[in-house]
Amino acid sequence: MTNDILSYLGKPASALLTSPPFESWKFKKTVDDDPPEIRINYVSAPNNFSITSDVHDKIDCIFIEADNLDRGLWDIPFSSSRNDVLSRFGVPSKSGAARTDPI
């Protein structure tokens, strides 16, 4: 499923939101309109999944939280190190310092 989930990058958010299994998930949409970039966020808290898109609503980031996730959907080992992820998916367009997210 890794290639399938990655195929949504650069596509309209509606492409993901209207596809199985996401079409049955509840998403909360918020807009960060702080300059210089407008960001559109779609969060499915019960599924530990979210996406962000640009001002044109094209997906540019997909967040998958390891806890309580239906692991059958993803071919991504959550035991991967940062270097493992970089070697598998390439260098991100944006990145910060390594950290542990408390969420």
PDB file of N, CA and C in Angstrom:
ATOM      1  N   MET A   1       0.819  -1.207   0.000  1.00  0.00           N
ATOM      2  CA  MET A   1       0.000   0.000   0.000  1.00  0.00           C
ATOM      3  C   MET A   1       0.856   1.262   0.000  1.00  0.00           C
ATOM      4  N   THR A   2       2.161   1.153   0.274  1.00  0.00           N
ATOM      5  CA  THR A   2       3.018   2.330   0.308  1.00  0.00           C
ATOM      6  C   THR A   2       2.904   3.123  -0.980  1.00  0.00           C
ATOM      7  N   ASN A   3       3.036   2.457  -2.116  1.00  0.00           N
ATOM      8  CA  ASN A   3       2.957   3.160  -3.382  1.00  0.00           C
ATOM      9  C   ASN A   3       1.588   3.776  -3.592  1.00  0.00           C
ATOM     10  N   ASP A   4       0.536   3.101  -3.126  1.00  0.00           N
ATOM     11  CA  ASP A   4      -0.805   3.644  -3.274  1.00  0.00           C
ATOM     12  C   ASP A   4      -0.964   4.932  -2.487  1.00  0.00           C
ATOM     13  N   ILE A   5      -0.521   4.965  -1.245  1.00  0.00           N
ATOM     14  CA  ILE A   5      -0.672   6.162  -0.427  1.00  0.00           C
ATOM     15  C   ILE A   5       0.195   7.288  -0.980  1.00  0.00           C
ATOM     16  N   LEU A   6       1.369   6.967  -1.459  1.00  0.00           N
ATOM     17  CA  LEU A   6       2.246   7.995  -2.023  1.00  0.00           C
ATOM     18  C   LEU A   6       1.682   8.570  -3.318  1.00  0.00           C
ATOM     19  N   SER A   7       0.844   7.816  -4.005  1.00  0.00           N
ATOM     20  CA  SER A   7       0.281   8.300  -5.268  1.00  0.00           C
ATOM     21  C   SER A   7      -0.661   9.484  -5.064  1.00  0.00           C
ATOM     22  N   TYR A   8      -1.125   9.708  -3.838  1.00  0.00           N
ATOM     23  CA  TYR A   8      -2.008  10.843  -3.566  1.00  0.00           C
ATOM     24  C   TYR A   8      -1.246  12.160  -3.466  1.00  0.00           C
ATOM     25  N   LEU A   9       0.056  12.110  -3.250  1.00  0.00           N
ATOM     26  CA  LEU A   9       0.832  13.344  -3.162  1.00  0.00           C
ATOM     27  C   LEU A   9       0.728  14.118  -4.468  1.00  0.00           C
ATOM     28  N   GLY A  10       0.413  15.400  -4.365  1.00  0.00           N
ATOM     29  CA  GLY A  10       0.266  16.248  -5.543  1.00  0.00           C
ATOM     30  C   GLY A  10      -1.113  16.222  -6.167  1.00  0.00           C
ATOM     31  N   LYS A  11      -1.991  15.349  -5.679  1.00  0.00           N
ATOM     32  CA  LYS A  11      -3.353  15.259  -6.201  1.00  0.00           C
ATOM     33  C   LYS A  11      -4.304  16.052  -5.304  1.00  0.00           C
ATOM     34  N   PRO A  12      -5.491  16.392  -5.816  1.00  0.00           N
ATOM     35  CA  PRO A  12      -6.460  17.102  -4.984  1.00  0.00           C
ATOM     36  C   PRO A  12      -6.846  16.269  -3.753  1.00  0.00           C
ATOM     37  N   ALA A  13      -7.066  16.940  -2.645  1.00  0.00           N
ATOM     38  CA  ALA A  13      -7.464  16.242  -1.425  1.00  0.00           C
ATOM     39  C   ALA A  13      -8.720  15.408  -1.657  1.00  0.00           C
ATOM     40  N   SER A  14      -9.601  15.880  -2.511  1.00  0.00           N
ATOM     41  CA  SER A  14     -10.844  15.154  -2.784  1.00  0.00           C
ATOM     42  C   SER A  14     -10.577  13.764  -3.355  1.00  0.00           C
ATOM     43  N   ALA A  15      -9.461  13.581  -4.061  1.00  0.00           N
ATOM     44  CA  ALA A  15      -9.127  12.262  -4.609  1.00  0.00           C
ATOM     45  C   ALA A  15      -8.944  11.248  -3.489  1.00  0.00           C
ATOM     46  N   LEU A  16      -8.266  11.645  -2.417  1.00  0.00           N
ATOM     47  CA  LEU A  16      -8.070  10.752  -1.279  1.00  0.00           C
ATOM     48  C   LEU A  16      -9.359  10.628  -0.468  1.00  0.00           C
ATOM     49  N   LEU A  17     -10.003  11.765  -0.189  1.00  0.00           N
ATOM     50  CA  LEU A  17     -11.171  11.775   0.697  1.00  0.00           C
ATOM     51  C   LEU A  17     -12.366  11.022   0.138  1.00  0.00           C
ATOM     52  N   THR A  18     -12.402  10.793  -1.161  1.00  0.00           N
ATOM     53  CA  THR A  18     -13.529  10.074  -1.769  1.00  0.00           C
ATOM     54  C   THR A  18     -13.165   8.643  -2.162  1.00  0.00           C
ATOM     55  N   SER A  19     -11.977   8.189  -1.732  1.00  0.00           N
ATOM     56  CA  SER A  19     -11.518   6.838  -2.056  1.00  0.00           C
ATOM     57  C   SER A  19     -11.578   5.948  -0.824  1.00  0.00           C
ATOM     58  N   PRO A  20     -11.808   4.626  -1.035  1.00  0.00           N
ATOM     59  CA  PRO A  20     -11.779   3.698   0.100  1.00  0.00           C
ATOM     60  C   PRO A  20     -10.374   3.607   0.677  1.00  0.00           C
ATOM     61  N   PRO A  21     -10.175   3.435   1.925  1.00  0.00           N
ATOM     62  CA  PRO A  21     -11.176   3.403   2.986  1.00  0.00           C
ATOM     63  C   PRO A  21     -11.502   4.786   3.527  1.00  0.00           C
ATOM     64  N   PHE A  22     -10.852   5.819   3.001  1.00  0.00           N
ATOM     65  CA  PHE A  22     -10.954   7.168   3.559  1.00  0.00           C
ATOM     66  C   PHE A  22     -12.349   7.765   3.443  1.00  0.00           C
ATOM     67  N   GLU A  23     -13.104   7.358   2.435  1.00  0.00           N
ATOM     68  CA  GLU A  23     -14.436   7.922   2.228  1.00  0.00           C
ATOM     69  C   GLU A  23     -15.362   7.677   3.415  1.00  0.00           C
ATOM     70  N   SER A  24     -15.097   6.635   4.204  1.00  0.00           N
ATOM     71  CA  SER A  24     -15.938   6.347   5.365  1.00  0.00           C
ATOM     72  C   SER A  24     -15.388   6.943   6.665  1.00  0.00           C
ATOM     73  N   TRP A  25     -14.212   7.576   6.593  1.00  0.00           N
ATOM     74  CA  TRP A  25     -13.609   8.185   7.777  1.00  0.00           C
ATOM     75  C   TRP A  25     -14.127   9.600   7.944  1.00  0.00           C
ATOM     76  N   LYS A  26     -14.213  10.041   9.190  1.00  0.00           N
ATOM     77  CA  LYS A  26     -14.596  11.428   9.471  1.00  0.00           C
ATOM     78  C   LYS A  26     -13.337  12.283   9.538  1.00  0.00           C
ATOM     79  N   PHE A  27     -13.331  13.380   8.793  1.00  0.00           N
ATOM     80  CA  PHE A  27     -12.205  14.308   8.761  1.00  0.00           C
ATOM     81  C   PHE A  27     -12.672  15.681   9.228  1.00  0.00           C
ATOM     82  N   LYS A  28     -11.827  16.353   9.975  1.00  0.00           N
ATOM     83  CA  LYS A  28     -12.066  17.745  10.344  1.00  0.00           C
ATOM     84  C   LYS A  28     -11.145  18.597   9.477  1.00  0.00           C
ATOM     85  N   LYS A  29     -11.729  19.572   8.778  1.00  0.00           N
ATOM     86  CA  LYS A  29     -10.959  20.447   7.889  1.00  0.00           C
ATOM     87  C   LYS A  29     -10.707  21.779   8.594  1.00  0.00           C
ATOM     88  N   THR A  30      -9.459  22.200   8.599  1.00  0.00           N
ATOM     89  CA  THR A  30      -9.106  23.518   9.111  1.00  0.00           C
ATOM     90  C   THR A  30      -8.196  24.197   8.102  1.00  0.00           C
ATOM     91  N   VAL A  31      -8.160  25.514   8.170  1.00  0.00           N
ATOM     92  CA  VAL A  31      -7.313  26.285   7.266  1.00  0.00           C
ATOM     93  C   VAL A  31      -6.401  27.181   8.095  1.00  0.00           C
ATOM     94  N   ASP A  32      -5.099  27.047   7.869  1.00  0.00           N
ATOM     95  CA  ASP A  32      -4.113  27.941   8.465  1.00  0.00           C
ATOM     96  C   ASP A  32      -3.834  29.008   7.418  1.00  0.00           C
ATOM     97  N   ASP A  33      -4.289  30.217   7.680  1.00  0.00           N
ATOM     98  CA  ASP A  33      -4.109  31.264   6.675  1.00  0.00           C
ATOM     99  C   ASP A  33      -3.068  32.300   7.085  1.00  0.00           C
ATOM    100  N   ASP A  34      -2.079  31.832   7.848  1.00  0.00           N
ATOM    101  CA  ASP A  34      -0.980  32.709   8.236  1.00  0.00           C
ATOM    102  C   ASP A  34      -0.010  32.841   7.067  1.00  0.00           C
ATOM    103  N   PRO A  35       0.320  34.076   6.704  1.00  0.00           N
ATOM    104  CA  PRO A  35       1.315  34.248   5.647  1.00  0.00           C
ATOM    105  C   PRO A  35       2.637  33.625   6.068  1.00  0.00           C
ATOM    106  N   PRO A  36       3.477  33.156   5.190  1.00  0.00           N
ATOM    107  CA  PRO A  36       3.372  33.339   3.743  1.00  0.00           C
ATOM    108  C   PRO A  36       2.599  32.229   3.049  1.00  0.00           C
ATOM    109  N   GLU A  37       2.278  31.138   3.760  1.00  0.00           N
ATOM    110  CA  GLU A  37       1.613  30.012   3.101  1.00  0.00           C
ATOM    111  C   GLU A  37       0.250  29.744   3.714  1.00  0.00           C
ATOM    112  N   ILE A  38      -0.716  29.475   2.872  1.00  0.00           N
ATOM    113  CA  ILE A  38      -2.011  29.008   3.343  1.00  0.00           C
ATOM    114  C   ILE A  38      -1.969  27.489   3.319  1.00  0.00           C
ATOM    115  N   ARG A  39      -2.285  26.858   4.430  1.00  0.00           N
ATOM    116  CA  ARG A  39      -2.261  25.397   4.563  1.00  0.00           C
ATOM    117  C   ARG A  39      -3.669  24.915   4.874  1.00  0.00           C
ATOM    118  N   ILE A  40      -4.099  23.873   4.218  1.00  0.00           N
ATOM    119  CA  ILE A  40      -5.392  23.245   4.489  1.00  0.00           C
ATOM    120  C   ILE A  40      -5.101  21.897   5.128  1.00  0.00           C
ATOM    121  N   ASN A  41      -5.702  21.658   6.290  1.00  0.00           N
ATOM    122  CA  ASN A  41      -5.451  20.435   7.054  1.00  0.00           C
ATOM    123  C   ASN A  41      -6.717  19.599   7.125  1.00  0.00           C
ATOM    124  N   TYR A  42      -6.570  18.315   6.927  1.00  0.00           N
ATOM    125  CA  TYR A  42      -7.659  17.356   7.090  1.00  0.00           C
ATOM    126  C   TYR A  42      -7.183  16.334   8.110  1.00  0.00           C
ATOM    127  N   VAL A  43      -7.902  16.236   9.224  1.00  0.00           N
ATOM    128  CA  VAL A  43      -7.482  15.351  10.314  1.00  0.00           C
ATOM    129  C   VAL A  43      -8.585  14.347  10.607  1.00  0.00           C
ATOM    130  N   SER A  44      -8.226  13.071  10.595  1.00  0.00           N
ATOM    131  CA  SER A  44      -9.117  12.006  11.031  1.00  0.00           C
ATOM    132  C   SER A  44      -8.542  11.459  12.339  1.00  0.00           C
ATOM    133  N   ALA A  45      -8.899  12.104  13.435  1.00  0.00           N
ATOM    134  CA  ALA A  45      -8.342  11.747  14.740  1.00  0.00           C
ATOM    135  C   ALA A  45      -8.599  10.287  15.122  1.00  0.00           C
ATOM    136  N   PRO A  46      -9.803   9.753  14.905  1.00  0.00           N
ATOM    137  CA  PRO A  46     -10.032   8.357  15.285  1.00  0.00           C
ATOM    138  C   PRO A  46      -9.136   7.366  14.533  1.00  0.00           C
ATOM    139  N   ASN A  47      -8.663   7.762  13.349  1.00  0.00           N
ATOM    140  CA  ASN A  47      -7.833   6.883  12.533  1.00  0.00           C
ATOM    141  C   ASN A  47      -6.357   7.255  12.569  1.00  0.00           C
ATOM    142  N   ASN A  48      -6.019   8.261  13.400  1.00  0.00           N
ATOM    143  CA  ASN A  48      -4.618   8.676  13.545  1.00  0.00           C
ATOM    144  C   ASN A  48      -3.982   8.984  12.190  1.00  0.00           C
ATOM    145  N   PHE A  49      -4.704   9.750  11.394  1.00  0.00           N
ATOM    146  CA  PHE A  49      -4.294  10.024  10.026  1.00  0.00           C
ATOM    147  C   PHE A  49      -4.641  11.467   9.683  1.00  0.00           C
ATOM    148  N   SER A  50      -3.746  12.138   8.986  1.00  0.00           N
ATOM    149  CA  SER A  50      -4.063  13.491   8.520  1.00  0.00           C
ATOM    150  C   SER A  50      -3.265  13.804   7.268  1.00  0.00           C
ATOM    151  N   ILE A  51      -3.769  14.778   6.531  1.00  0.00           N
ATOM    152  CA  ILE A  51      -3.083  15.272   5.342  1.00  0.00           C
ATOM    153  C   ILE A  51      -3.079  16.794   5.392  1.00  0.00           C
ATOM    154  N   THR A  52      -2.102  17.373   4.728  1.00  0.00           N
ATOM    155  CA  THR A  52      -2.110  18.816   4.523  1.00  0.00           C
ATOM    156  C   THR A  52      -2.015  19.067   3.025  1.00  0.00           C
ATOM    157  N   SER A  53      -2.595  20.191   2.636  1.00  0.00           N
ATOM    158  CA  SER A  53      -2.556  20.559   1.227  1.00  0.00           C
ATOM    159  C   SER A  53      -2.249  22.044   1.095  1.00  0.00           C
ATOM    160  N   ASP A  54      -1.901  22.422  -0.121  1.00  0.00           N
ATOM    161  CA  ASP A  54      -1.560  23.819  -0.384  1.00  0.00           C
ATOM    162  C   ASP A  54      -2.821  24.636  -0.650  1.00  0.00           C
ATOM    163  N   VAL A  55      -2.639  25.862  -1.046  1.00  0.00           N
ATOM    164  CA  VAL A  55      -3.756  26.777  -1.290  1.00  0.00           C
ATOM    165  C   VAL A  55      -4.686  26.265  -2.388  1.00  0.00           C
ATOM    166  N   HIS A  56      -4.180  25.423  -3.279  1.00  0.00           N
ATOM    167  CA  HIS A  56      -4.983  24.839  -4.356  1.00  0.00           C
ATOM    168  C   HIS A  56      -5.569  23.485  -3.967  1.00  0.00           C
ATOM    169  N   ASP A  57      -5.414  23.118  -2.682  1.00  0.00           N
ATOM    170  CA  ASP A  57      -5.919  21.864  -2.111  1.00  0.00           C
ATOM    171  C   ASP A  57      -5.267  20.621  -2.715  1.00  0.00           C
ATOM    172  N   LYS A  58      -4.007  20.756  -3.134  1.00  0.00           N
ATOM    173  CA  LYS A  58      -3.214  19.615  -3.615  1.00  0.00           C
ATOM    174  C   LYS A  58      -2.439  19.052  -2.418  1.00  0.00           C
ATOM    175  N   ILE A  59      -2.534  17.763  -2.193  1.00  0.00           N
ATOM    176  CA  ILE A  59      -1.893  17.118  -1.049  1.00  0.00           C
ATOM    177  C   ILE A  59      -0.378  17.217  -1.164  1.00  0.00           C
ATOM    178  N   ASP A  60       0.254  17.695  -0.089  1.00  0.00           N
ATOM    179  CA  ASP A  60       1.717  17.747  -0.095  1.00  0.00           C
ATOM    180  C   ASP A  60       2.341  17.085   1.123  1.00  0.00           C
ATOM    181  N   CYS A  61       1.513  16.624   2.043  1.00  0.00           N
ATOM    182  CA  CYS A  61       2.055  15.924   3.206  1.00  0.00           C
ATOM    183  C   CYS A  61       1.006  14.971   3.758  1.00  0.00           C
ATOM    184  N   ILE A  62       1.446  13.772   4.105  1.00  0.00           N
ATOM    185  CA  ILE A  62       0.568  12.759   4.688  1.00  0.00           C
ATOM    186  C   ILE A  62       1.174  12.330   6.016  1.00  0.00           C
ATOM    187  N   PHE A  63       0.374  12.404   7.084  1.00  0.00           N
ATOM    188  CA  PHE A  63       0.826  12.020   8.421  1.00  0.00           C
ATOM    189  C   PHE A  63       0.101  10.749   8.845  1.00  0.00           C
ATOM    190  N   ILE A  64       0.873   9.760   9.269  1.00  0.00           N
ATOM    191  CA  ILE A  64       0.313   8.496   9.732  1.00  0.00           C
ATOM    192  C   ILE A  64       0.873   8.224  11.116  1.00  0.00           C
ATOM    193  N   GLU A  65      -0.003   8.135  12.103  1.00  0.00           N
ATOM    194  CA  GLU A  65       0.434   7.845  13.465  1.00  0.00           C
ATOM    195  C   GLU A  65       0.396   6.342  13.685  1.00  0.00           C
ATOM    196  N   ALA A  66       1.385   5.814  14.345  1.00  0.00           N
ATOM    197  CA  ALA A  66       1.531   4.367  14.501  1.00  0.00           C
ATOM    198  C   ALA A  66       0.476   3.747  15.413  1.00  0.00           C
ATOM    199  N   ASP A  67       0.100   4.399  16.471  1.00  0.00           N
ATOM    200  CA  ASP A  67      -0.819   3.797  17.438  1.00  0.00           C
ATOM    201  C   ASP A  67      -2.216   3.609  16.859  1.00  0.00           C
ATOM    202  N   ASN A  68      -2.793   2.453  17.100  1.00  0.00           N
ATOM    203  CA  ASN A  68      -4.173   2.131  16.736  1.00  0.00           C
ATOM    204  C   ASN A  68      -4.462   2.201  15.245  1.00  0.00           C
ATOM    205  N   LEU A  69      -3.458   2.148  14.424  1.00  0.00           N
ATOM    206  CA  LEU A  69      -3.653   2.224  12.981  1.00  0.00           C
ATOM    207  C   LEU A  69      -3.875   0.829  12.420  1.00  0.00           C
ATOM    208  N   ASP A  70      -4.765   0.719  11.478  1.00  0.00           N
ATOM    209  CA  ASP A  70      -4.971  -0.548  10.787  1.00  0.00           C
ATOM    210  C   ASP A  70      -3.750  -0.803   9.924  1.00  0.00           C
ATOM    211  N   ARG A  71      -2.838  -1.579  10.447  1.00  0.00           N
ATOM    212  CA  ARG A  71      -1.558  -1.793   9.769  1.00  0.00           C
ATOM    213  C   ARG A  71      -1.707  -2.511   8.435  1.00  0.00           C
ATOM    214  N   GLY A  72      -2.864  -3.098   8.177  1.00  0.00           N
ATOM    215  CA  GLY A  72      -3.088  -3.729   6.890  1.00  0.00           C
ATOM    216  C   GLY A  72      -3.157  -2.731   5.748  1.00  0.00           C
ATOM    217  N   LEU A  73      -3.350  -1.449   6.071  1.00  0.00           N
ATOM    218  CA  LEU A  73      -3.446  -0.430   5.029  1.00  0.00           C
ATOM    219  C   LEU A  73      -2.094   0.024   4.522  1.00  0.00           C
ATOM    220  N   TRP A  74      -1.053  -0.110   5.339  1.00  0.00           N
ATOM    221  CA  TRP A  74       0.224   0.518   5.020  1.00  0.00           C
ATOM    222  C   TRP A  74       1.357  -0.498   4.994  1.00  0.00           C
ATOM    223  N   ASP A  75       2.221  -0.322   4.068  1.00  0.00           N
ATOM    224  CA  ASP A  75       3.421  -1.140   3.984  1.00  0.00           C
ATOM    225  C   ASP A  75       4.605  -0.313   4.488  1.00  0.00           C
ATOM    226  N   ILE A  76       4.434   0.267   5.674  1.00  0.00           N
ATOM    227  CA  ILE A  76       5.454   1.124   6.256  1.00  0.00           C
ATOM    228  C   ILE A  76       5.775   0.587   7.653  1.00  0.00           C
ATOM    229  N   PRO A  77       6.959   0.053   7.868  1.00  0.00           N
ATOM    230  CA  PRO A  77       7.295  -0.444   9.206  1.00  0.00           C
ATOM    231  C   PRO A  77       7.503   0.714  10.181  1.00  0.00           C
ATOM    232  N   PHE A  78       6.712   0.742  11.248  1.00  0.00           N
ATOM    233  CA  PHE A  78       6.806   1.833  12.206  1.00  0.00           C
ATOM    234  C   PHE A  78       8.046   1.740  13.078  1.00  0.00           C
ATOM    235  N   SER A  79       8.793   0.668  12.945  1.00  0.00           N
ATOM    236  CA  SER A  79      10.056   0.546  13.670  1.00  0.00           C
ATOM    237  C   SER A  79      11.202   1.200  12.892  1.00  0.00           C
ATOM    238  N   SER A  80      10.893   1.772  11.741  1.00  0.00           N
ATOM    239  CA  SER A  80      11.923   2.390  10.898  1.00  0.00           C
ATOM    240  C   SER A  80      12.554   3.593  11.591  1.00  0.00           C
ATOM    241  N   SER A  81      13.848   3.727  11.390  1.00  0.00           N
ATOM    242  CA  SER A  81      14.553   4.903  11.897  1.00  0.00           C
ATOM    243  C   SER A  81      14.358   6.053  10.908  1.00  0.00           C
ATOM    244  N   ARG A  82      14.759   7.229  11.291  1.00  0.00           N
ATOM    245  CA  ARG A  82      14.688   8.387  10.394  1.00  0.00           C
ATOM    246  C   ARG A  82      15.485   8.116   9.113  1.00  0.00           C
ATOM    247  N   ASN A  83      16.670   7.534   9.266  1.00  0.00           N
ATOM    248  CA  ASN A  83      17.492   7.226   8.091  1.00  0.00           C
ATOM    249  C   ASN A  83      16.835   6.183   7.195  1.00  0.00           C
ATOM    250  N   ASP A  84      16.158   5.190   7.802  1.00  0.00           N
ATOM    251  CA  ASP A  84      15.437   4.184   7.012  1.00  0.00           C
ATOM    252  C   ASP A  84      14.351   4.847   6.168  1.00  0.00           C
ATOM    253  N   VAL A  85      13.620   5.764   6.786  1.00  0.00           N
ATOM    254  CA  VAL A  85      12.547   6.461   6.074  1.00  0.00           C
ATOM    255  C   VAL A  85      13.120   7.305   4.946  1.00  0.00           C
ATOM    256  N   LEU A  86      14.207   8.015   5.218  1.00  0.00           N
ATOM    257  CA  LEU A  86      14.833   8.840   4.179  1.00  0.00           C
ATOM    258  C   LEU A  86      15.322   8.001   3.008  1.00  0.00           C
ATOM    259  N   SER A  87      15.909   6.844   3.305  1.00  0.00           N
ATOM    260  CA  SER A  87      16.412   6.011   2.209  1.00  0.00           C
ATOM    261  C   SER A  87      15.269   5.382   1.413  1.00  0.00           C
ATOM    262  N   ARG A  88      14.135   5.143   2.058  1.00  0.00           N
ATOM    263  CA  ARG A  88      13.004   4.512   1.377  1.00  0.00           C
ATOM    264  C   ARG A  88      12.176   5.502   0.561  1.00  0.00           C
ATOM    265  N   PHE A  89      11.951   6.703   1.141  1.00  0.00           N
ATOM    266  CA  PHE A  89      11.053   7.663   0.497  1.00  0.00           C
ATOM    267  C   PHE A  89      11.765   8.874  -0.093  1.00  0.00           C
ATOM    268  N   GLY A  90      13.046   9.031   0.197  1.00  0.00           N
ATOM    269  CA  GLY A  90      13.774  10.179  -0.328  1.00  0.00           C
ATOM    270  C   GLY A  90      13.739  11.356   0.619  1.00  0.00           C
ATOM    271  N   VAL A  91      14.428  12.383   0.238  1.00  0.00           N
ATOM    272  CA  VAL A  91      14.540  13.584   1.055  1.00  0.00           C
ATOM    273  C   VAL A  91      13.231  14.372   0.955  1.00  0.00           C
ATOM    274  N   PRO A  92      12.652  14.780   2.094  1.00  0.00           N
ATOM    275  CA  PRO A  92      11.399  15.545   2.056  1.00  0.00           C
ATOM    276  C   PRO A  92      11.635  16.959   1.539  1.00  0.00           C
ATOM    277  N   SER A  93      10.573  17.556   1.053  1.00  0.00           N
ATOM    278  CA  SER A  93      10.682  18.936   0.573  1.00  0.00           C
ATOM    279  C   SER A  93      10.870  19.895   1.738  1.00  0.00           C
ATOM    280  N   LYS A  94      10.370  19.513   2.914  1.00  0.00           N
ATOM    281  CA  LYS A  94      10.563  20.301   4.134  1.00  0.00           C
ATOM    282  C   LYS A  94      10.806  19.331   5.262  1.00  0.00           C
ATOM    283  N   SER A  95      11.676  19.714   6.172  1.00  0.00           N
ATOM    284  CA  SER A  95      11.976  18.842   7.314  1.00  0.00           C
ATOM    285  C   SER A  95      12.525  19.686   8.431  1.00  0.00           C
ATOM    286  N   GLY A  96      12.313  19.212   9.634  1.00  0.00           N
ATOM    287  CA  GLY A  96      12.882  19.879  10.803  1.00  0.00           C
ATOM    288  C   GLY A  96      13.879  18.966  11.471  1.00  0.00           C
ATOM    289  N   ALA A  97      14.335  19.400  12.603  1.00  0.00           N
ATOM    290  CA  ALA A  97      15.270  18.591  13.380  1.00  0.00           C
ATOM    291  C   ALA A  97      14.552  17.330  13.875  1.00  0.00           C
ATOM    292  N   ALA A  98      15.315  16.286  14.096  1.00  0.00           N
ATOM    293  CA  ALA A  98      14.739  15.052  14.634  1.00  0.00           C
ATOM    294  C   ALA A  98      14.138  15.342  16.000  1.00  0.00           C
ATOM    295  N   ARG A  99      12.946  14.791  16.259  1.00  0.00           N
ATOM    296  CA  ARG A  99      12.291  14.988  17.549  1.00  0.00           C
ATOM    297  C   ARG A  99      11.285  13.883  17.761  1.00  0.00           C
ATOM    298  N   THR A 100      10.817  13.765  18.978  1.00  0.00           N
ATOM    299  CA  THR A 100       9.771  12.804  19.310  1.00  0.00           C
ATOM    300  C   THR A 100       8.480  13.585  19.494  1.00  0.00           C
ATOM    301  N   ASP A 101       7.440  13.224  18.749  1.00  0.00           N
ATOM    302  CA  ASP A 101       6.164  13.913  18.834  1.00  0.00           C
ATOM    303  C   ASP A 101       5.348  13.315  19.974  1.00  0.00           C
ATOM    304  N   PRO A 102       4.898  14.116  20.928  1.00  0.00           N
ATOM    305  CA  PRO A 102       4.156  13.586  22.070  1.00  0.00           C
ATOM    306  C   PRO A 102       2.732  13.155  21.739  1.00  0.00           C
ATOM    307  N   ILE A 103       2.269  13.443  20.538  1.00  0.00           N
ATOM    308  CA  ILE A 103       0.876  13.102  20.185  1.00  0.00           C
ATOM    309  C   ILE A 103       0.752  11.643  19.867  1.00  0.00           C
TER     310      ILE A 103
END
